[in-house]
Amino acid sequence: MNEEVHKIDPKHAILLVMDYTNGLIKQLPGAEAIVNSAAGVINEARKAGLNIGYVHTGFTDDDYEAVPDANKIFSVVTHNHLIPHESQDAQIHDLVGPQADDIIVRKTRTGAFSTTDLEEQLQEKGIHTLILAGFTTSGVVLSMVREAADRDYKIYVLEDLSTDPDKEVHDMLMQRVFPRQTDVMKQADLLDVLKTYE
């Protein structure tokens, strides 16, 4: 782990739990075990004063209408009216559910910046450091790494609290791609850092 991890300031950092939704968890091998682990990490993060945020995907009728056919991924979603925002599949899993003061955004694209007010909420709280955990590694995690880096956030990715349908893709991103723009760490590394703030 990079020593710079020890410079995380909980007041100006957030753990973003991304697309830990009922629907995705049912589809991804091993996701349920990750959610169980994440619940404990989130609890310790709260104790240390770290901000917590949630990102999930869901569509209203207006959202379906707003997606053009040119969008290869989401035109399929909209033509088939997948992931309606009120469905159980679109909801954040109860084990890691948000609390009243948490940031929560519902997105309609892969990343969380372009179709939400996430950046405004982060700025209001003075947050400049993002700690990312999400399903999937090649989806929301990759998009958020790229977007957040372009917006000059300090970024950490939790390797063992993210997963992908393709393990080789997950490993390649974590080992060869993300380190160019982020610090990749495991949940145990984050917990070690947070203990110093309890």
C-alpha atoms as a PDB file:
ATOM      1  CA  MET A   1       0.000   0.000   0.000  1.00  0.00           C
ATOM      2  CA  ASN A   2       1.185   3.489  -0.822  1.00  0.00           C
ATOM      3  CA  GLU A   3       2.227   5.422   2.287  1.00  0.00           C
ATOM      4  CA  GLU A   4       0.172   8.371   1.076  1.00  0.00           C
ATOM      5  CA  VAL A   5      -2.945   6.456   2.112  1.00  0.00           C
ATOM      6  CA  HIS A   6      -2.114   7.558   5.641  1.00  0.00           C
ATOM      7  CA  LYS A   7      -2.897  11.148   4.627  1.00  0.00           C
ATOM      8  CA  ILE A   8      -6.619  10.487   4.235  1.00  0.00           C
ATOM      9  CA  ASP A   9      -8.589  13.099   6.174  1.00  0.00           C
ATOM     10  CA  PRO A  10     -12.043  11.645   6.959  1.00  0.00           C
ATOM     11  CA  LYS A  11     -13.682  15.073   7.000  1.00  0.00           C
ATOM     12  CA  HIS A  12     -12.655  15.693   3.401  1.00  0.00           C
ATOM     13  CA  ALA A  13     -12.967  12.145   2.081  1.00  0.00           C
ATOM     14  CA  ILE A  14     -15.865   9.910   1.115  1.00  0.00           C
ATOM     15  CA  LEU A  15     -16.366   6.193   0.680  1.00  0.00           C
ATOM     16  CA  LEU A  16     -18.518   5.876  -2.440  1.00  0.00           C
ATOM     17  CA  VAL A  17     -20.446   2.601  -2.535  1.00  0.00           C
ATOM     18  CA  MET A  18     -21.460   2.204  -6.170  1.00  0.00           C
ATOM     19  CA  ASP A  19     -24.150  -0.024  -7.693  1.00  0.00           C
ATOM     20  CA  TYR A  20     -24.352  -2.357  -4.712  1.00  0.00           C
ATOM     21  CA  THR A  21     -27.902  -3.035  -5.881  1.00  0.00           C
ATOM     22  CA  ASN A  22     -30.089  -6.085  -5.414  1.00  0.00           C
ATOM     23  CA  GLY A  23     -30.171  -6.820  -9.137  1.00  0.00           C
ATOM     24  CA  LEU A  24     -26.421  -6.734  -9.703  1.00  0.00           C
ATOM     25  CA  ILE A  25     -25.644  -8.665  -6.547  1.00  0.00           C
ATOM     26  CA  LYS A  26     -27.799 -11.545  -7.814  1.00  0.00           C
ATOM     27  CA  GLN A  27     -25.892 -11.595 -11.099  1.00  0.00           C
ATOM     28  CA  LEU A  28     -22.282 -11.351  -9.931  1.00  0.00           C
ATOM     29  CA  PRO A  29     -20.511 -14.394  -8.451  1.00  0.00           C
ATOM     30  CA  GLY A  30     -19.114 -13.569  -5.023  1.00  0.00           C
ATOM     31  CA  ALA A  31     -20.915 -10.234  -4.782  1.00  0.00           C
ATOM     32  CA  GLU A  32     -22.943 -11.209  -1.731  1.00  0.00           C
ATOM     33  CA  ALA A  33     -19.778 -11.987   0.240  1.00  0.00           C
ATOM     34  CA  ILE A  34     -18.331  -8.627  -0.802  1.00  0.00           C
ATOM     35  CA  VAL A  35     -21.460  -6.838   0.413  1.00  0.00           C
ATOM     36  CA  ASN A  36     -21.169  -8.606   3.766  1.00  0.00           C
ATOM     37  CA  SER A  37     -17.577  -7.406   4.115  1.00  0.00           C
ATOM     38  CA  ALA A  38     -18.470  -3.914   2.933  1.00  0.00           C
ATOM     39  CA  ALA A  39     -21.104  -3.580   5.661  1.00  0.00           C
ATOM     40  CA  GLY A  40     -18.388  -3.884   8.293  1.00  0.00           C
ATOM     41  CA  VAL A  41     -16.087  -1.460   6.510  1.00  0.00           C
ATOM     42  CA  ILE A  42     -18.869   1.104   6.202  1.00  0.00           C
ATOM     43  CA  ASN A  43     -19.617   0.792   9.914  1.00  0.00           C
ATOM     44  CA  GLU A  44     -15.957   1.391  10.819  1.00  0.00           C
ATOM     45  CA  ALA A  45     -15.775   4.276   8.359  1.00  0.00           C
ATOM     46  CA  ARG A  46     -18.736   5.949  10.039  1.00  0.00           C
ATOM     47  CA  LYS A  47     -17.078   5.588  13.451  1.00  0.00           C
ATOM     48  CA  ALA A  48     -13.969   7.315  12.099  1.00  0.00           C
ATOM     49  CA  GLY A  49     -15.993  10.226  10.721  1.00  0.00           C
ATOM     50  CA  LEU A  50     -15.581   9.333   7.055  1.00  0.00           C
ATOM     51  CA  ASN A  51     -18.341  10.559   4.754  1.00  0.00           C
ATOM     52  CA  ILE A  52     -20.363   7.818   3.065  1.00  0.00           C
ATOM     53  CA  GLY A  53     -22.028   8.073  -0.329  1.00  0.00           C
ATOM     54  CA  TYR A  54     -24.139   5.795  -2.482  1.00  0.00           C
ATOM     55  CA  VAL A  55     -24.491   5.628  -6.242  1.00  0.00           C
ATOM     56  CA  HIS A  56     -27.120   3.475  -7.917  1.00  0.00           C
ATOM     57  CA  THR A  57     -28.673   3.140 -11.358  1.00  0.00           C
ATOM     58  CA  GLY A  58     -32.370   3.438 -12.107  1.00  0.00           C
ATOM     59  CA  PHE A  59     -34.605   4.899 -14.784  1.00  0.00           C
ATOM     60  CA  THR A  60     -37.844   6.864 -14.854  1.00  0.00           C
ATOM     61  CA  ASP A  61     -40.007   7.124 -17.965  1.00  0.00           C
ATOM     62  CA  ASP A  62     -38.374  10.486 -18.723  1.00  0.00           C
ATOM     63  CA  ASP A  63     -34.924   8.923 -18.359  1.00  0.00           C
ATOM     64  CA  TYR A  64     -35.775   6.250 -20.905  1.00  0.00           C
ATOM     65  CA  GLU A  65     -36.847   8.940 -23.353  1.00  0.00           C
ATOM     66  CA  ALA A  66     -33.595  10.874 -22.868  1.00  0.00           C
ATOM     67  CA  VAL A  67     -31.255   8.080 -23.972  1.00  0.00           C
ATOM     68  CA  PRO A  68     -30.408   8.199 -27.695  1.00  0.00           C
ATOM     69  CA  ASP A  69     -29.964   5.115 -29.855  1.00  0.00           C
ATOM     70  CA  ALA A  70     -26.294   6.096 -30.258  1.00  0.00           C
ATOM     71  CA  ASN A  71     -25.645   5.046 -26.649  1.00  0.00           C
ATOM     72  CA  LYS A  72     -24.685   1.397 -27.157  1.00  0.00           C
ATOM     73  CA  ILE A  73     -25.138   0.297 -23.538  1.00  0.00           C
ATOM     74  CA  PHE A  74     -28.086   2.304 -22.347  1.00  0.00           C
ATOM     75  CA  SER A  75     -30.182   2.223 -25.517  1.00  0.00           C
ATOM     76  CA  VAL A  76     -30.608  -1.506 -24.794  1.00  0.00           C
ATOM     77  CA  VAL A  77     -31.671  -0.643 -21.242  1.00  0.00           C
ATOM     78  CA  THR A  78     -34.184   1.946 -22.376  1.00  0.00           C
ATOM     79  CA  HIS A  79     -35.660  -0.027 -25.301  1.00  0.00           C
ATOM     80  CA  ASN A  80     -36.395  -2.876 -22.903  1.00  0.00           C
ATOM     81  CA  HIS A  81     -37.338  -0.638 -19.957  1.00  0.00           C
ATOM     82  CA  LEU A  82     -34.775  -2.320 -17.729  1.00  0.00           C
ATOM     83  CA  ILE A  83     -33.816  -1.151 -14.207  1.00  0.00           C
ATOM     84  CA  PRO A  84     -36.912   0.959 -13.423  1.00  0.00           C
ATOM     85  CA  HIS A  85     -35.939   3.191 -10.508  1.00  0.00           C
ATOM     86  CA  GLU A  86     -38.673   1.932  -8.153  1.00  0.00           C
ATOM     87  CA  SER A  87     -37.930  -1.762  -8.710  1.00  0.00           C
ATOM     88  CA  GLN A  88     -36.321  -3.920  -6.050  1.00  0.00           C
ATOM     89  CA  ASP A  89     -33.423  -4.666  -8.397  1.00  0.00           C
ATOM     90  CA  ALA A  90     -32.508  -0.955  -8.550  1.00  0.00           C
ATOM     91  CA  GLN A  91     -32.413  -0.544  -4.754  1.00  0.00           C
ATOM     92  CA  ILE A  92     -29.233  -0.501  -2.664  1.00  0.00           C
ATOM     93  CA  HIS A  93     -28.860  -3.739  -0.721  1.00  0.00           C
ATOM     94  CA  ASP A  94     -30.212  -3.506   2.843  1.00  0.00           C
ATOM     95  CA  LEU A  95     -26.937  -4.693   4.398  1.00  0.00           C
ATOM     96  CA  VAL A  96     -25.168  -1.541   3.210  1.00  0.00           C
ATOM     97  CA  GLY A  97     -28.143   0.801   3.178  1.00  0.00           C
ATOM     98  CA  PRO A  98     -27.668   4.561   3.517  1.00  0.00           C
ATOM     99  CA  GLN A  99     -28.347   6.717   6.548  1.00  0.00           C
ATOM    100  CA  ALA A 100     -29.962  10.147   6.687  1.00  0.00           C
ATOM    101  CA  ASP A 101     -26.783  12.224   6.304  1.00  0.00           C
ATOM    102  CA  ASP A 102     -25.247  10.180   3.502  1.00  0.00           C
ATOM    103  CA  ILE A 103     -24.944  11.349  -0.078  1.00  0.00           C
ATOM    104  CA  ILE A 104     -27.205   9.345  -2.394  1.00  0.00           C
ATOM    105  CA  VAL A 105     -27.413   9.796  -6.162  1.00  0.00           C
ATOM    106  CA  ARG A 106     -29.326   7.908  -8.820  1.00  0.00           C
ATOM    107  CA  LYS A 107     -27.553   7.786 -12.160  1.00  0.00           C
ATOM    108  CA  THR A 108     -28.605   6.954 -15.703  1.00  0.00           C
ATOM    109  CA  ARG A 109     -25.183   6.428 -17.239  1.00  0.00           C
ATOM    110  CA  THR A 110     -22.148   4.339 -16.289  1.00  0.00           C
ATOM    111  CA  GLY A 111     -20.370   7.044 -14.281  1.00  0.00           C
ATOM    112  CA  ALA A 112     -21.966   9.078 -11.522  1.00  0.00           C
ATOM    113  CA  PHE A 113     -20.986  12.619 -12.456  1.00  0.00           C
ATOM    114  CA  SER A 114     -22.714  13.299 -15.777  1.00  0.00           C
ATOM    115  CA  THR A 115     -26.350  12.646 -14.804  1.00  0.00           C
ATOM    116  CA  THR A 116     -26.376  13.564 -11.091  1.00  0.00           C
ATOM    117  CA  ASP A 117     -25.530  16.411  -8.742  1.00  0.00           C
ATOM    118  CA  LEU A 118     -22.748  14.371  -7.129  1.00  0.00           C
ATOM    119  CA  GLU A 119     -20.057  16.966  -7.750  1.00  0.00           C
ATOM    120  CA  GLU A 120     -22.145  19.736  -6.167  1.00  0.00           C
ATOM    121  CA  GLN A 121     -22.798  17.604  -3.087  1.00  0.00           C
ATOM    122  CA  LEU A 122     -19.104  16.759  -2.758  1.00  0.00           C
ATOM    123  CA  GLN A 123     -18.147  20.418  -3.047  1.00  0.00           C
ATOM    124  CA  GLU A 124     -20.716  21.436  -0.425  1.00  0.00           C
ATOM    125  CA  LYS A 125     -19.087  19.042   2.036  1.00  0.00           C
ATOM    126  CA  GLY A 126     -15.531  20.047   1.113  1.00  0.00           C
ATOM    127  CA  ILE A 127     -14.688  16.559  -0.143  1.00  0.00           C
ATOM    128  CA  HIS A 128     -11.602  16.198  -2.321  1.00  0.00           C
ATOM    129  CA  THR A 129     -10.744  12.518  -1.776  1.00  0.00           C
ATOM    130  CA  LEU A 130     -12.797   9.621  -3.148  1.00  0.00           C
ATOM    131  CA  ILE A 131     -12.549   6.015  -1.973  1.00  0.00           C
ATOM    132  CA  LEU A 132     -14.328   3.841  -4.527  1.00  0.00           C
ATOM    133  CA  ALA A 133     -15.979   0.441  -4.170  1.00  0.00           C
ATOM    134  CA  GLY A 134     -18.359  -0.820  -6.788  1.00  0.00           C
ATOM    135  CA  PHE A 135     -20.007  -3.268  -9.125  1.00  0.00           C
ATOM    136  CA  THR A 136     -18.654  -3.538 -11.724  1.00  0.00           C
ATOM    137  CA  THR A 137     -14.932  -2.869 -12.002  1.00  0.00           C
ATOM    138  CA  SER A 138     -15.106  -2.357 -15.764  1.00  0.00           C
ATOM    139  CA  GLY A 139     -18.298  -0.321 -15.426  1.00  0.00           C
ATOM    140  CA  VAL A 140     -18.907   2.257 -12.713  1.00  0.00           C
ATOM    141  CA  VAL A 141     -15.483   1.899 -11.075  1.00  0.00           C
ATOM    142  CA  LEU A 142     -13.571   2.479 -14.300  1.00  0.00           C
ATOM    143  CA  SER A 143     -15.828   5.370 -15.297  1.00  0.00           C
ATOM    144  CA  MET A 144     -15.498   7.011 -11.912  1.00  0.00           C
ATOM    145  CA  VAL A 145     -11.718   6.650 -11.854  1.00  0.00           C
ATOM    146  CA  ARG A 146     -11.454   8.381 -15.224  1.00  0.00           C
ATOM    147  CA  GLU A 147     -13.990  11.113 -14.472  1.00  0.00           C
ATOM    148  CA  ALA A 148     -12.738  11.821 -10.959  1.00  0.00           C
ATOM    149  CA  ALA A 149      -9.134  12.005 -12.133  1.00  0.00           C
ATOM    150  CA  ASP A 150     -10.118  14.530 -14.801  1.00  0.00           C
ATOM    151  CA  ARG A 151     -11.825  16.551 -12.060  1.00  0.00           C
ATOM    152  CA  ASP A 152      -8.630  16.463  -9.944  1.00  0.00           C
ATOM    153  CA  TYR A 153      -9.893  14.375  -7.028  1.00  0.00           C
ATOM    154  CA  LYS A 154      -7.519  12.229  -5.015  1.00  0.00           C
ATOM    155  CA  ILE A 155      -8.708   8.668  -5.638  1.00  0.00           C
ATOM    156  CA  TYR A 156      -8.403   5.320  -3.913  1.00  0.00           C
ATOM    157  CA  VAL A 157      -9.961   2.105  -5.213  1.00  0.00           C
ATOM    158  CA  LEU A 158     -10.842  -0.767  -2.898  1.00  0.00           C
ATOM    159  CA  GLU A 159      -9.750  -3.819  -4.853  1.00  0.00           C
ATOM    160  CA  ASP A 160     -11.527  -6.438  -2.767  1.00  0.00           C
ATOM    161  CA  LEU A 161     -14.775  -4.474  -2.419  1.00  0.00           C
ATOM    162  CA  SER A 162     -15.213  -4.286  -6.177  1.00  0.00           C
ATOM    163  CA  THR A 163     -15.782  -7.066  -8.672  1.00  0.00           C
ATOM    164  CA  ASP A 164     -16.454  -7.756 -12.325  1.00  0.00           C
ATOM    165  CA  PRO A 165     -18.015 -10.599 -14.325  1.00  0.00           C
ATOM    166  CA  ASP A 166     -14.593 -11.083 -15.926  1.00  0.00           C
ATOM    167  CA  LYS A 167     -11.905 -11.697 -13.302  1.00  0.00           C
ATOM    168  CA  GLU A 168      -9.111 -11.106 -15.810  1.00  0.00           C
ATOM    169  CA  VAL A 169     -10.513  -7.671 -16.611  1.00  0.00           C
ATOM    170  CA  HIS A 170     -10.834  -6.885 -12.896  1.00  0.00           C
ATOM    171  CA  ASP A 171      -7.233  -7.894 -12.240  1.00  0.00           C
ATOM    172  CA  MET A 172      -5.897  -6.043 -15.271  1.00  0.00           C
ATOM    173  CA  LEU A 173      -7.643  -2.813 -14.283  1.00  0.00           C
ATOM    174  CA  MET A 174      -6.544  -3.056 -10.666  1.00  0.00           C
ATOM    175  CA  GLN A 175      -2.953  -4.006 -11.410  1.00  0.00           C
ATOM    176  CA  ARG A 176      -2.140  -2.184 -14.634  1.00  0.00           C
ATOM    177  CA  VAL A 177      -4.641   0.591 -15.380  1.00  0.00           C
ATOM    178  CA  PHE A 178      -5.905   2.130 -12.146  1.00  0.00           C
ATOM    179  CA  PRO A 179      -2.483   2.630 -10.521  1.00  0.00           C
ATOM    180  CA  ARG A 180      -1.727   5.287 -13.136  1.00  0.00           C
ATOM    181  CA  GLN A 181      -4.432   7.505 -11.653  1.00  0.00           C
ATOM    182  CA  THR A 182      -5.294   6.078  -8.246  1.00  0.00           C
ATOM    183  CA  ASP A 183      -3.969   4.218  -5.248  1.00  0.00           C
ATOM    184  CA  VAL A 184      -5.361   0.678  -5.220  1.00  0.00           C
ATOM    185  CA  MET A 185      -5.763  -0.824  -1.763  1.00  0.00           C
ATOM    186  CA  LYS A 186      -7.637  -3.524   0.089  1.00  0.00           C
ATOM    187  CA  GLN A 187     -10.296  -3.038   2.745  1.00  0.00           C
ATOM    188  CA  ALA A 188      -7.823  -4.011   5.465  1.00  0.00           C
ATOM    189  CA  ASP A 189      -5.568  -1.122   4.411  1.00  0.00           C
ATOM    190  CA  LEU A 190      -8.430   1.331   4.737  1.00  0.00           C
ATOM    191  CA  LEU A 191      -9.417  -0.063   8.129  1.00  0.00           C
ATOM    192  CA  ASP A 192      -5.853   0.349   9.365  1.00  0.00           C
ATOM    193  CA  VAL A 193      -5.942   4.004   8.344  1.00  0.00           C
ATOM    194  CA  LEU A 194      -9.360   4.618   9.910  1.00  0.00           C
ATOM    195  CA  LYS A 195      -8.251   3.214  13.282  1.00  0.00           C
ATOM    196  CA  THR A 196      -6.021   6.236  13.708  1.00  0.00           C
ATOM    197  CA  TYR A 197      -9.112   8.501  13.659  1.00  0.00           C
ATOM    198  CA  GLU A 198     -11.338   6.620  16.081  1.00  0.00           C
END
